[in-house]
Structure formats: C-alpha cells, structure tokens
Amino acid sequence: MHREEINLDQTHIRLTTDIKEHDLKHYIHSLRLDLKRHIAKNQEFLISIEPMKKNDENLTQIVKLMYESSNHADVGPMACVAGSISQLALDYLIEHDSKYSIVENGGDVALINDENVLCGIYSNNPILGNNIAFEIKARKNPIGICTSSGKIGHSISFGQSDSVTVLSKSPSLADGLATRIANDAIGENGEEKVNNALETSENYKEFFDGVLIISDENVGTIGRLPKIIETSEFDINLNQYKKSFI
C-alpha cells in the first residue's frame, strides 16, 4: 500500500492507494486550473452561499459536478469543492484499476476498499473525544464520508454542532449535504440542535446513505450507518485542516 500527501496551493490531500504509479498530483492540478478559470469568469461562483443555475453547457467536469451537487443540497457551489476534488480523484484512481484507495481532502473522504477499513470521526466532542470510528466493510463501490462542524475547520457553517457527518455514494454531494444539515444544528441545547438537524436531514434522504450528528452530550442518526466502534485517540494537523481549498 502506498501513502503520500499531495499539496497544491490550498488543496491538501492525504492519499492511501494500492496503485504505485498514478500521477494523481498532475490530475488534481488540472482540476484546480479548470476551477480557477471558471471562477475568473464567474466570481459569484466563488462567494455564493445559495445554489446557482449553470450559465454554460460547456462546463468542465469539476465545475459541472459542483453545480449539480450544490443544487441538490441547497448550498453554494463552493460548499462542495473539497468533496468534488476527492470524488474525481478517486474516480481517476478507479479508472487506473484501483481496488483500494482513500482520498482525504481536509476531512472530506472518498474511498473504495476491498478490505475493511476504519474511518475516524473527528468531532472533538468533550464526551466522545476522538476515540470513535466507522468500520467500513470491504466494498466494490465508492462512498463519500464528509463532515461539517460549527466549531472546528475552515468552512462556513451557520450551525453549532460538534460535527455532522454524511455518507453518500457521491462524495461531492455528501460534502454539500454536511454543510446544509449542519447549518440547521441550532438551538438552546445539544438536544435541540440535533433534533433540528435531523429534521432537515429528512428533506434529503434520497441523496444519502446515513447521517451522524454530534452536539454536546447528544447524538442523532438517520439512515443506514456503518458500525461505530471505539478506537485509540487520533489527531489531525489542525493548522492544515483549517486552510481553505481554493
């Protein structure tokens, strides 16, 4: 198994893959160039917190994906940028015959795994800490696992959750939905925050496999989630995690 970090400006990828020669860095560089060119011509794409209509049919793959996912999730296009890069990077590796690859982009994960793998849940919750993980069974199809938080990380969130984690067949859409659901994790206490976020989740059930919401002493779930197990405590480079992706 090969492990490496890919750092391109504000994009920081942690990669584990069964492919030794892949040139993924060059591919991600091309994705970023496509995105930058579109933003140069459409500044609203960069700053909008609302879904936008496509203004051109001749869009590059990443731009088209971000438009589509953000419209499904009712968020601005940039709310899907990290998950979109992870998704397309994983697709690239699968096209090169990968059976086991994990692409982690600032906490937004796209993976395919022909053997079991643990995916840590980073909520920094005072009770749960960072000692829990999803146990992802071996699978032939890719999945996205994306998290939004009102307390940590780089992304804009209008909510107050410790974490909202969404699992979806589309990592791009999981990223947007995590933002959308986390925005409604508001209330006077943890229970109210979780209940409000769960209520919002109901509106998007067709787009995700499962959602895990953690706030203070309360936890809520909806849909089907992998088994959650206790693990040894893990940490991430918060300075890197807080950087923006574009």
Protein backbone atom coordinates (compact mmCIF):
# COMPACT_ATOMS: atom_id res chain seq x y z
CA MET A 1 0.00 0.00 0.00
CA HIS A 2 1.31 3.44 -0.91
CA ARG A 3 0.78 6.55 1.18
CA GLU A 4 1.56 10.14 0.29
CA GLU A 5 0.48 13.72 0.71
CA ILE A 6 -0.39 15.92 -2.26
CA ASN A 7 -0.19 19.64 -1.57
CA LEU A 8 -1.19 22.08 -4.29
CA ASP A 9 -1.66 25.63 -3.07
CA GLN A 10 -4.64 25.36 -0.70
CA THR A 11 -5.54 21.78 -1.60
CA HIS A 12 -4.12 19.20 0.79
CA ILE A 13 -4.71 15.54 0.01
CA ARG A 14 -3.77 12.57 2.17
CA LEU A 15 -3.76 9.52 -0.05
CA THR A 16 -3.62 5.80 0.56
CA THR A 17 -3.80 3.65 -2.57
CA ASP A 18 -2.88 0.26 -3.99
CA ILE A 19 -1.51 1.96 -7.13
CA LYS A 20 2.19 2.85 -7.14
CA GLU A 21 2.33 4.88 -10.36
CA HIS A 22 -0.67 7.17 -10.84
CA ASP A 23 0.32 10.83 -11.44
CA LEU A 24 -2.68 11.93 -9.37
CA LYS A 25 -0.98 15.20 -8.48
CA HIS A 26 -0.99 16.30 -12.11
CA TYR A 27 -4.66 15.37 -12.44
CA ILE A 28 -5.64 17.37 -9.34
CA HIS A 29 -3.63 20.28 -10.67
CA SER A 30 -5.74 20.18 -13.85
CA LEU A 31 -8.95 20.15 -11.78
CA ARG A 32 -7.82 23.22 -9.89
CA LEU A 33 -6.97 25.02 -13.12
CA ASP A 34 -10.44 24.27 -14.51
CA LEU A 35 -11.99 25.63 -11.35
CA LYS A 36 -9.85 28.75 -11.27
CA ARG A 37 -10.67 29.56 -14.89
CA HIS A 38 -14.39 29.26 -14.20
CA ILE A 39 -14.16 31.46 -11.11
CA ALA A 40 -12.20 34.09 -13.05
CA LYS A 41 -15.19 34.42 -15.37
CA ASN A 42 -17.88 33.86 -12.71
CA GLN A 43 -16.97 35.47 -9.39
CA GLU A 44 -20.41 34.69 -7.97
CA PHE A 45 -19.49 31.01 -8.15
CA LEU A 46 -16.83 31.62 -5.51
CA ILE A 47 -18.88 33.61 -3.00
CA SER A 48 -22.48 32.46 -3.35
CA ILE A 49 -23.99 30.63 -0.39
CA GLU A 50 -27.07 29.78 -2.45
CA PRO A 51 -27.42 27.28 -5.32
CA MET A 52 -26.71 28.70 -8.77
CA LYS A 53 -28.01 27.82 -12.20
CA LYS A 54 -25.49 26.70 -14.78
CA ASN A 55 -24.82 29.54 -17.21
CA ASP A 56 -22.97 27.43 -19.75
CA GLU A 57 -23.46 23.94 -21.13
CA ASN A 58 -19.76 23.54 -21.96
CA LEU A 59 -18.54 23.14 -18.41
CA THR A 60 -15.57 21.14 -17.19
CA GLN A 61 -16.21 18.05 -15.13
CA ILE A 62 -15.49 19.53 -11.72
CA VAL A 63 -17.48 22.71 -12.31
CA LYS A 64 -20.47 20.75 -13.59
CA LEU A 65 -20.30 18.40 -10.59
CA MET A 66 -20.22 21.31 -8.14
CA TYR A 67 -23.23 22.96 -9.77
CA GLU A 68 -25.22 19.73 -9.66
CA SER A 69 -24.33 18.73 -6.09
CA SER A 70 -24.91 22.21 -4.66
CA ASN A 71 -28.33 22.39 -6.30
CA HIS A 72 -29.35 19.06 -4.75
CA ALA A 73 -28.04 20.15 -1.35
CA ASP A 74 -29.35 23.75 -1.48
CA VAL A 75 -25.95 25.32 -0.80
CA GLY A 76 -23.46 27.42 -2.73
CA PRO A 77 -21.14 25.62 -5.18
CA MET A 78 -18.01 26.07 -3.09
CA ALA A 79 -19.63 24.09 -0.25
CA CYS A 80 -18.97 21.06 -2.47
CA VAL A 81 -15.42 21.81 -3.59
CA ALA A 82 -13.46 19.52 -1.26
CA GLY A 83 -15.77 16.56 -1.77
CA SER A 84 -15.77 17.13 -5.53
CA ILE A 85 -11.97 17.04 -5.71
CA SER A 86 -11.94 13.88 -3.57
CA GLN A 87 -14.61 12.25 -5.74
CA LEU A 88 -12.92 12.97 -9.06
CA ALA A 89 -9.52 11.97 -7.69
CA LEU A 90 -10.96 8.64 -6.57
CA ASP A 91 -12.66 8.16 -9.95
CA TYR A 92 -9.29 8.74 -11.58
CA LEU A 93 -7.67 6.05 -9.42
CA ILE A 94 -10.51 3.60 -10.08
CA GLU A 95 -10.04 4.16 -13.82
CA HIS A 96 -6.45 3.07 -13.22
CA ASP A 97 -7.75 -0.20 -11.69
CA SER A 98 -7.53 0.71 -8.02
CA LYS A 99 -9.44 -1.60 -5.70
CA TYR A 100 -8.34 0.19 -2.51
CA SER A 101 -7.89 3.94 -2.36
CA ILE A 102 -8.68 6.54 0.29
CA VAL A 103 -8.58 10.19 -0.76
CA GLU A 104 -8.91 12.53 2.22
CA ASN A 105 -9.19 16.22 1.44
CA GLY A 106 -9.32 18.27 4.63
CA GLY A 107 -11.61 15.77 6.33
CA ASP A 108 -13.77 15.01 3.28
CA VAL A 109 -13.16 11.42 2.25
CA ALA A 110 -13.77 9.44 -0.93
CA LEU A 111 -12.87 5.78 -0.73
CA ILE A 112 -13.14 2.36 -2.26
CA ASN A 113 -11.90 -0.60 -0.25
CA ASP A 114 -11.60 -4.30 -0.95
CA GLU A 115 -10.77 -4.89 2.72
CA ASN A 116 -12.14 -3.47 5.95
CA VAL A 117 -11.00 -0.01 6.96
CA LEU A 118 -11.60 2.34 9.91
CA CYS A 119 -12.61 5.94 9.25
CA GLY A 120 -12.13 8.12 12.32
CA ILE A 121 -14.87 10.56 13.31
CA TYR A 122 -13.29 13.87 14.31
CA SER A 123 -15.79 15.86 16.38
CA ASN A 124 -13.60 17.00 19.29
CA ASN A 125 -16.66 16.35 21.45
CA PRO A 126 -15.88 16.70 25.17
CA ILE A 127 -17.57 13.37 25.94
CA LEU A 128 -16.79 11.22 22.90
CA GLY A 129 -13.44 12.83 22.18
CA ASN A 130 -11.78 11.50 19.06
CA ASN A 131 -11.99 7.86 20.03
CA ILE A 132 -14.67 6.59 17.65
CA ALA A 133 -14.63 5.46 14.04
CA PHE A 134 -16.80 3.96 11.34
CA GLU A 135 -15.89 0.39 10.49
CA ILE A 136 -16.24 0.34 6.71
CA LYS A 137 -16.69 -3.19 5.40
CA ALA A 138 -14.99 -4.26 2.19
CA ARG A 139 -16.94 -2.93 -0.78
CA LYS A 140 -16.72 -2.76 -4.56
CA ASN A 141 -18.40 0.61 -4.94
CA PRO A 142 -17.05 4.02 -3.85
CA ILE A 143 -18.51 6.03 -1.00
CA GLY A 144 -18.10 9.54 0.34
CA ILE A 145 -17.79 10.42 4.04
CA CYS A 146 -17.86 14.18 4.64
CA THR A 147 -18.12 16.25 7.79
CA SER A 148 -19.10 19.80 8.66
CA SER A 149 -18.74 21.48 12.04
CA GLY A 150 -19.86 24.72 13.60
CA LYS A 151 -16.86 24.66 15.93
CA ILE A 152 -13.78 23.46 14.02
CA GLY A 153 -12.49 23.58 10.47
CA HIS A 154 -12.21 26.11 7.68
CA SER A 155 -15.69 26.00 6.21
CA ILE A 156 -18.53 28.46 6.73
CA SER A 157 -21.23 26.96 8.96
CA PHE A 158 -24.24 28.72 10.42
CA GLY A 159 -24.87 25.92 12.89
CA GLN A 160 -23.41 24.96 16.25
CA SER A 161 -22.81 21.21 16.03
CA ASP A 162 -19.63 19.47 17.02
CA SER A 163 -19.93 17.53 13.79
CA VAL A 164 -22.37 16.46 11.11
CA THR A 165 -21.11 13.55 9.04
CA VAL A 166 -22.85 12.44 5.86
CA LEU A 167 -22.29 9.20 3.96
CA SER A 168 -23.34 9.20 0.33
CA LYS A 169 -22.47 7.41 -2.89
CA SER A 170 -21.36 10.86 -4.12
CA PRO A 171 -18.61 12.47 -2.01
CA SER A 172 -19.36 15.79 -3.71
CA LEU A 173 -22.98 15.64 -2.61
CA ALA A 174 -22.02 14.37 0.86
CA ASP A 175 -19.88 17.50 1.27
CA GLY A 176 -22.74 19.83 0.33
CA LEU A 177 -25.28 17.97 2.46
CA ALA A 178 -22.99 18.03 5.50
CA THR A 179 -22.90 21.83 5.20
CA ARG A 180 -26.65 22.12 4.62
CA ILE A 181 -27.63 19.90 7.56
CA ALA A 182 -25.02 21.41 9.90
CA ASN A 183 -26.38 24.88 9.16
CA ASP A 184 -29.59 23.92 10.94
CA ALA A 185 -27.91 22.43 14.01
CA ILE A 186 -29.02 25.38 16.13
CA GLY A 187 -30.88 25.63 19.42
CA GLU A 188 -30.66 26.31 23.13
CA ASN A 189 -29.03 22.96 23.93
CA GLY A 190 -27.49 19.91 22.30
CA GLU A 191 -30.76 18.01 22.07
CA GLU A 192 -32.46 20.85 20.23
CA LYS A 193 -29.54 21.24 17.85
CA VAL A 194 -29.54 17.55 16.98
CA ASN A 195 -33.33 17.43 16.53
CA ASN A 196 -33.30 20.45 14.20
CA ALA A 197 -30.52 18.94 12.12
CA LEU A 198 -32.36 15.61 11.94
CA GLU A 199 -35.49 17.38 10.75
CA THR A 200 -33.53 19.00 7.94
CA SER A 201 -31.95 15.64 7.06
CA GLU A 202 -35.40 14.21 6.35
CA ASN A 203 -35.66 16.51 3.32
CA TYR A 204 -32.61 14.95 1.65
CA LYS A 205 -32.99 11.22 2.40
CA GLU A 206 -32.89 10.29 -1.29
CA PHE A 207 -29.35 11.62 -1.57
CA PHE A 208 -27.54 9.97 1.34
CA ASP A 209 -26.99 6.59 2.97
CA GLY A 210 -26.75 7.90 6.51
CA VAL A 211 -26.07 10.93 8.72
CA LEU A 212 -24.41 11.16 12.13
CA ILE A 213 -24.92 14.34 14.19
CA ILE A 214 -22.95 15.07 17.36
CA SER A 215 -23.64 18.07 19.58
CA ASP A 216 -22.62 18.42 23.20
CA GLU A 217 -24.00 15.38 25.06
CA ASN A 218 -26.39 14.37 22.28
CA VAL A 219 -26.04 12.14 19.23
CA GLY A 220 -28.54 11.65 16.42
CA THR A 221 -28.57 9.36 13.40
CA ILE A 222 -30.72 8.85 10.34
CA GLY A 223 -30.47 6.28 7.56
CA ARG A 224 -28.00 3.41 7.49
CA LEU A 225 -24.57 3.92 9.01
CA PRO A 226 -21.59 1.60 9.30
CA LYS A 227 -20.85 0.12 12.68
CA ILE A 228 -19.31 2.70 15.04
CA ILE A 229 -16.52 1.35 17.22
CA GLU A 230 -14.22 2.70 19.90
CA THR A 231 -10.63 3.30 18.81
CA SER A 232 -7.45 4.74 20.20
CA GLU A 233 -7.47 8.54 20.11
CA PHE A 234 -6.28 10.12 16.90
CA ASP A 235 -5.33 13.65 15.93
CA ILE A 236 -5.06 15.69 12.75
CA ASN A 237 -2.98 18.67 11.71
CA LEU A 238 -5.50 21.38 12.59
CA ASN A 239 -3.39 24.12 11.02
CA GLN A 240 -3.59 22.34 7.69
CA TYR A 241 -7.23 21.35 8.20
CA LYS A 242 -8.33 24.94 8.66
CA LYS A 243 -6.96 26.13 5.33
CA SER A 244 -9.40 26.82 2.51
CA PHE A 245 -9.35 24.60 -0.56
CA ILE A 246 -9.24 27.04 -3.38
